[in-house]
Amino acid sequence: MFIRHYVIALFGDLAKTKIKKLEDNFDNIITLLIQHLNIPNKSANDPYAEDKIHICNNSCWTLGLLSITYPEKMGIFIDQIMIKLLKIFCVPRVF
């Protein structure tokens, strides 16, 4: 799990280049990023909680970059993204 947030950040950097391989896999990448828009439950029993926060953070950042670079492709994902973002905004400890 540790490396996942770096891979997600790399997708964000690649979004700036508009490479064909990214465009060919766009829907799959967006779907995976949306799945990672979750704040983990605060639990001392979860050794990966911090990594999960980094993954969520980098997913948000990457979705933002993809939205800027490919606005025409993002429309079909907006509802799914907004549901996840609203849940994040409702978690008191993220402020």
N, C-alpha and C. Protein backbone atom coordinates (compact mmCIF):
# COMPACT_ATOMS: atom_id res chain seq x y z
N MET A 1 0.82 -1.18 0.00
CA MET A 1 0.00 0.00 0.00
C MET A 1 0.87 1.25 0.00
N PHE A 2 2.04 1.17 0.60
CA PHE A 2 2.90 2.34 0.76
C PHE A 2 3.19 3.04 -0.56
N ILE A 3 3.45 2.29 -1.59
CA ILE A 3 3.85 2.91 -2.86
C ILE A 3 2.65 3.42 -3.68
N ARG A 4 1.46 2.98 -3.35
CA ARG A 4 0.28 3.33 -4.13
C ARG A 4 0.09 4.85 -4.24
N HIS A 5 0.30 5.58 -3.16
CA HIS A 5 0.07 7.02 -3.24
C HIS A 5 1.08 7.70 -4.16
N TYR A 6 2.28 7.14 -4.29
CA TYR A 6 3.25 7.69 -5.23
C TYR A 6 2.85 7.41 -6.67
N VAL A 7 2.31 6.23 -6.90
CA VAL A 7 1.83 5.88 -8.25
C VAL A 7 0.68 6.80 -8.65
N ILE A 8 -0.21 7.06 -7.71
CA ILE A 8 -1.34 7.96 -7.99
C ILE A 8 -0.82 9.36 -8.30
N ALA A 9 0.16 9.84 -7.56
CA ALA A 9 0.75 11.15 -7.83
C ALA A 9 1.40 11.17 -9.22
N LEU A 10 2.03 10.07 -9.59
CA LEU A 10 2.64 10.00 -10.92
C LEU A 10 1.58 10.12 -12.02
N PHE A 11 0.40 9.51 -11.82
CA PHE A 11 -0.68 9.70 -12.78
C PHE A 11 -1.03 11.18 -12.92
N GLY A 12 -1.01 11.90 -11.80
CA GLY A 12 -1.27 13.33 -11.85
C GLY A 12 -0.25 14.07 -12.68
N ASP A 13 1.02 13.74 -12.47
CA ASP A 13 2.07 14.38 -13.27
C ASP A 13 1.96 14.00 -14.74
N LEU A 14 1.62 12.76 -15.01
CA LEU A 14 1.46 12.33 -16.40
C LEU A 14 0.27 13.02 -17.07
N ALA A 15 -0.73 13.37 -16.27
CA ALA A 15 -1.91 14.05 -16.82
C ALA A 15 -1.52 15.36 -17.50
N LYS A 16 -0.49 16.00 -17.00
CA LYS A 16 -0.03 17.27 -17.57
C LYS A 16 0.54 17.10 -18.97
N THR A 17 0.95 15.87 -19.32
CA THR A 17 1.60 15.63 -20.61
C THR A 17 0.65 15.19 -21.71
N LYS A 18 -0.57 14.82 -21.32
CA LYS A 18 -1.58 14.33 -22.27
C LYS A 18 -1.06 13.18 -23.13
N ILE A 19 -0.46 12.18 -22.50
CA ILE A 19 0.05 11.04 -23.26
C ILE A 19 -1.09 10.12 -23.68
N LYS A 20 -0.92 9.49 -24.80
CA LYS A 20 -1.95 8.63 -25.39
C LYS A 20 -2.32 7.46 -24.49
N LYS A 21 -1.34 6.83 -23.86
CA LYS A 21 -1.59 5.67 -23.01
C LYS A 21 -2.52 6.04 -21.84
N LEU A 22 -2.36 7.23 -21.31
CA LEU A 22 -3.24 7.70 -20.24
C LEU A 22 -4.66 7.87 -20.77
N GLU A 23 -4.78 8.46 -21.93
CA GLU A 23 -6.10 8.65 -22.53
C GLU A 23 -6.78 7.32 -22.84
N ASP A 24 -6.01 6.34 -23.29
CA ASP A 24 -6.56 5.02 -23.60
C ASP A 24 -7.12 4.32 -22.37
N ASN A 25 -6.58 4.64 -21.20
CA ASN A 25 -6.99 4.00 -19.95
C ASN A 25 -7.72 4.95 -19.02
N PHE A 26 -8.20 6.05 -19.55
CA PHE A 26 -8.76 7.13 -18.76
C PHE A 26 -9.88 6.67 -17.84
N ASP A 27 -10.88 6.00 -18.37
CA ASP A 27 -12.03 5.59 -17.56
C ASP A 27 -11.61 4.68 -16.40
N ASN A 28 -10.71 3.75 -16.67
CA ASN A 28 -10.23 2.85 -15.61
C ASN A 28 -9.46 3.61 -14.53
N ILE A 29 -8.63 4.55 -14.95
CA ILE A 29 -7.85 5.33 -14.00
C ILE A 29 -8.77 6.17 -13.12
N ILE A 30 -9.74 6.84 -13.73
CA ILE A 30 -10.67 7.68 -12.97
C ILE A 30 -11.47 6.82 -11.99
N THR A 31 -11.93 5.67 -12.43
CA THR A 31 -12.70 4.78 -11.56
C THR A 31 -11.86 4.36 -10.35
N LEU A 32 -10.61 4.02 -10.57
CA LEU A 32 -9.73 3.64 -9.45
C LEU A 32 -9.48 4.81 -8.51
N LEU A 33 -9.28 5.99 -9.06
CA LEU A 33 -9.05 7.17 -8.22
C LEU A 33 -10.28 7.48 -7.37
N ILE A 34 -11.45 7.36 -7.95
CA ILE A 34 -12.69 7.61 -7.20
C ILE A 34 -12.81 6.60 -6.05
N GLN A 35 -12.45 5.36 -6.30
CA GLN A 35 -12.51 4.33 -5.25
C GLN A 35 -11.61 4.67 -4.07
N HIS A 36 -10.55 5.44 -4.32
CA HIS A 36 -9.60 5.79 -3.26
C HIS A 36 -9.93 7.10 -2.56
N LEU A 37 -11.05 7.70 -2.87
CA LEU A 37 -11.47 8.93 -2.19
C LEU A 37 -12.20 8.57 -0.90
N ASN A 38 -11.46 8.06 0.05
CA ASN A 38 -12.03 7.65 1.34
C ASN A 38 -11.08 8.04 2.45
N ILE A 39 -11.65 8.60 3.51
CA ILE A 39 -10.88 8.87 4.72
C ILE A 39 -11.02 7.63 5.60
N PRO A 40 -9.91 7.03 6.02
CA PRO A 40 -10.02 5.83 6.85
C PRO A 40 -10.56 6.17 8.23
N ASN A 41 -11.19 5.20 8.85
CA ASN A 41 -11.62 5.36 10.23
C ASN A 41 -10.39 5.54 11.11
N LYS A 42 -10.51 6.44 12.05
CA LYS A 42 -9.38 6.67 12.96
C LYS A 42 -9.31 5.50 13.94
N SER A 43 -8.32 4.69 13.75
CA SER A 43 -8.19 3.49 14.58
C SER A 43 -6.72 3.18 14.82
N ALA A 44 -6.39 2.92 16.04
CA ALA A 44 -5.01 2.56 16.38
C ALA A 44 -4.67 1.17 15.83
N ASN A 45 -5.70 0.41 15.45
CA ASN A 45 -5.48 -0.94 14.96
C ASN A 45 -5.15 -1.00 13.48
N ASP A 46 -5.25 0.13 12.79
CA ASP A 46 -4.99 0.13 11.35
C ASP A 46 -3.60 0.70 11.08
N PRO A 47 -2.62 -0.16 10.83
CA PRO A 47 -1.26 0.33 10.60
C PRO A 47 -1.12 1.07 9.27
N TYR A 48 -2.14 0.99 8.42
CA TYR A 48 -2.08 1.64 7.11
C TYR A 48 -2.90 2.92 7.03
N ALA A 49 -3.42 3.39 8.15
CA ALA A 49 -4.30 4.57 8.15
C ALA A 49 -3.62 5.78 7.52
N GLU A 50 -2.36 6.02 7.88
CA GLU A 50 -1.66 7.18 7.32
C GLU A 50 -1.48 7.04 5.81
N ASP A 51 -1.13 5.85 5.35
CA ASP A 51 -0.99 5.62 3.91
C ASP A 51 -2.33 5.84 3.20
N LYS A 52 -3.41 5.42 3.82
CA LYS A 52 -4.74 5.60 3.21
C LYS A 52 -5.07 7.08 3.07
N ILE A 53 -4.63 7.89 4.02
CA ILE A 53 -4.86 9.34 3.91
C ILE A 53 -4.05 9.90 2.76
N HIS A 54 -2.81 9.46 2.61
CA HIS A 54 -1.98 9.91 1.49
C HIS A 54 -2.60 9.50 0.15
N ILE A 55 -3.13 8.29 0.11
CA ILE A 55 -3.77 7.80 -1.10
C ILE A 55 -4.98 8.66 -1.44
N CYS A 56 -5.80 8.96 -0.45
CA CYS A 56 -6.97 9.82 -0.67
C CYS A 56 -6.53 11.20 -1.14
N ASN A 57 -5.53 11.77 -0.48
CA ASN A 57 -5.02 13.09 -0.83
C ASN A 57 -4.52 13.12 -2.28
N ASN A 58 -3.70 12.15 -2.63
CA ASN A 58 -3.15 12.12 -3.99
C ASN A 58 -4.22 11.82 -5.03
N SER A 59 -5.24 11.06 -4.66
CA SER A 59 -6.35 10.81 -5.58
C SER A 59 -7.10 12.11 -5.86
N CYS A 60 -7.35 12.89 -4.81
CA CYS A 60 -8.01 14.20 -4.99
C CYS A 60 -7.20 15.09 -5.92
N TRP A 61 -5.90 15.17 -5.64
CA TRP A 61 -5.01 16.02 -6.43
C TRP A 61 -4.98 15.57 -7.90
N THR A 62 -4.85 14.27 -8.11
CA THR A 62 -4.78 13.74 -9.46
C THR A 62 -6.10 13.94 -10.21
N LEU A 63 -7.23 13.74 -9.54
CA LEU A 63 -8.52 14.00 -10.18
C LEU A 63 -8.64 15.46 -10.58
N GLY A 64 -8.13 16.35 -9.76
CA GLY A 64 -8.13 17.77 -10.11
C GLY A 64 -7.32 18.05 -11.36
N LEU A 65 -6.13 17.47 -11.44
CA LEU A 65 -5.30 17.67 -12.63
C LEU A 65 -5.94 17.07 -13.87
N LEU A 66 -6.51 15.89 -13.71
CA LEU A 66 -7.18 15.27 -14.86
C LEU A 66 -8.39 16.09 -15.30
N SER A 67 -9.06 16.72 -14.35
CA SER A 67 -10.21 17.57 -14.68
C SER A 67 -9.79 18.79 -15.48
N ILE A 68 -8.64 19.33 -15.14
CA ILE A 68 -8.12 20.49 -15.87
C ILE A 68 -7.65 20.09 -17.26
N THR A 69 -6.98 18.96 -17.35
CA THR A 69 -6.39 18.51 -18.62
C THR A 69 -7.42 17.91 -19.56
N TYR A 70 -8.40 17.20 -19.01
CA TYR A 70 -9.41 16.51 -19.83
C TYR A 70 -10.83 16.87 -19.38
N PRO A 71 -11.20 18.14 -19.42
CA PRO A 71 -12.53 18.51 -18.91
C PRO A 71 -13.68 17.83 -19.66
N GLU A 72 -13.48 17.57 -20.93
CA GLU A 72 -14.54 16.95 -21.74
C GLU A 72 -14.80 15.50 -21.36
N LYS A 73 -13.83 14.84 -20.74
CA LYS A 73 -13.98 13.43 -20.36
C LYS A 73 -14.49 13.26 -18.93
N MET A 74 -14.46 14.33 -18.15
CA MET A 74 -14.78 14.21 -16.72
C MET A 74 -16.27 14.28 -16.41
N GLY A 75 -17.06 14.79 -17.30
CA GLY A 75 -18.48 15.02 -17.04
C GLY A 75 -19.22 13.80 -16.51
N ILE A 76 -18.95 12.65 -17.05
CA ILE A 76 -19.69 11.45 -16.64
C ILE A 76 -19.30 10.97 -15.24
N PHE A 77 -18.21 11.51 -14.70
CA PHE A 77 -17.73 11.09 -13.38
C PHE A 77 -18.06 12.07 -12.26
N ILE A 78 -18.57 13.23 -12.60
CA ILE A 78 -18.76 14.29 -11.61
C ILE A 78 -19.65 13.85 -10.46
N ASP A 79 -20.77 13.20 -10.73
CA ASP A 79 -21.67 12.78 -9.65
C ASP A 79 -20.96 11.84 -8.67
N GLN A 80 -20.23 10.87 -9.19
CA GLN A 80 -19.51 9.92 -8.33
C GLN A 80 -18.45 10.63 -7.48
N ILE A 81 -17.75 11.57 -8.10
CA ILE A 81 -16.71 12.31 -7.39
C ILE A 81 -17.33 13.18 -6.30
N MET A 82 -18.41 13.87 -6.62
CA MET A 82 -19.04 14.76 -5.65
C MET A 82 -19.57 14.00 -4.44
N ILE A 83 -20.12 12.83 -4.65
CA ILE A 83 -20.60 12.01 -3.51
C ILE A 83 -19.44 11.73 -2.56
N LYS A 84 -18.31 11.34 -3.10
CA LYS A 84 -17.14 11.02 -2.27
C LYS A 84 -16.60 12.27 -1.58
N LEU A 85 -16.51 13.38 -2.33
CA LEU A 85 -15.97 14.61 -1.74
C LEU A 85 -16.85 15.15 -0.63
N LEU A 86 -18.15 15.06 -0.81
CA LEU A 86 -19.06 15.53 0.24
C LEU A 86 -18.91 14.70 1.51
N LYS A 87 -18.67 13.41 1.36
CA LYS A 87 -18.42 12.57 2.54
C LYS A 87 -17.14 13.00 3.26
N ILE A 88 -16.12 13.34 2.49
CA ILE A 88 -14.86 13.79 3.08
C ILE A 88 -15.08 15.11 3.82
N PHE A 89 -15.82 16.03 3.22
CA PHE A 89 -16.07 17.32 3.88
C PHE A 89 -16.84 17.17 5.19
N CYS A 90 -17.58 16.10 5.33
CA CYS A 90 -18.38 15.89 6.54
C CYS A 90 -17.58 15.26 7.68
N VAL A 91 -16.36 14.89 7.45
CA VAL A 91 -15.53 14.30 8.50
C VAL A 91 -14.84 15.45 9.25
N PRO A 92 -15.20 15.65 10.52
CA PRO A 92 -14.68 16.80 11.27
C PRO A 92 -13.15 16.86 11.35
N ARG A 93 -12.49 15.74 11.40
CA ARG A 93 -11.05 15.77 11.61
C ARG A 93 -10.25 16.13 10.36
N VAL A 94 -10.90 16.35 9.21
CA VAL A 94 -10.14 16.73 8.03
C VAL A 94 -9.95 18.24 7.93
N PHE A 95 -10.57 18.98 8.85
CA PHE A 95 -10.42 20.44 8.80
C PHE A 95 -9.35 20.92 9.70
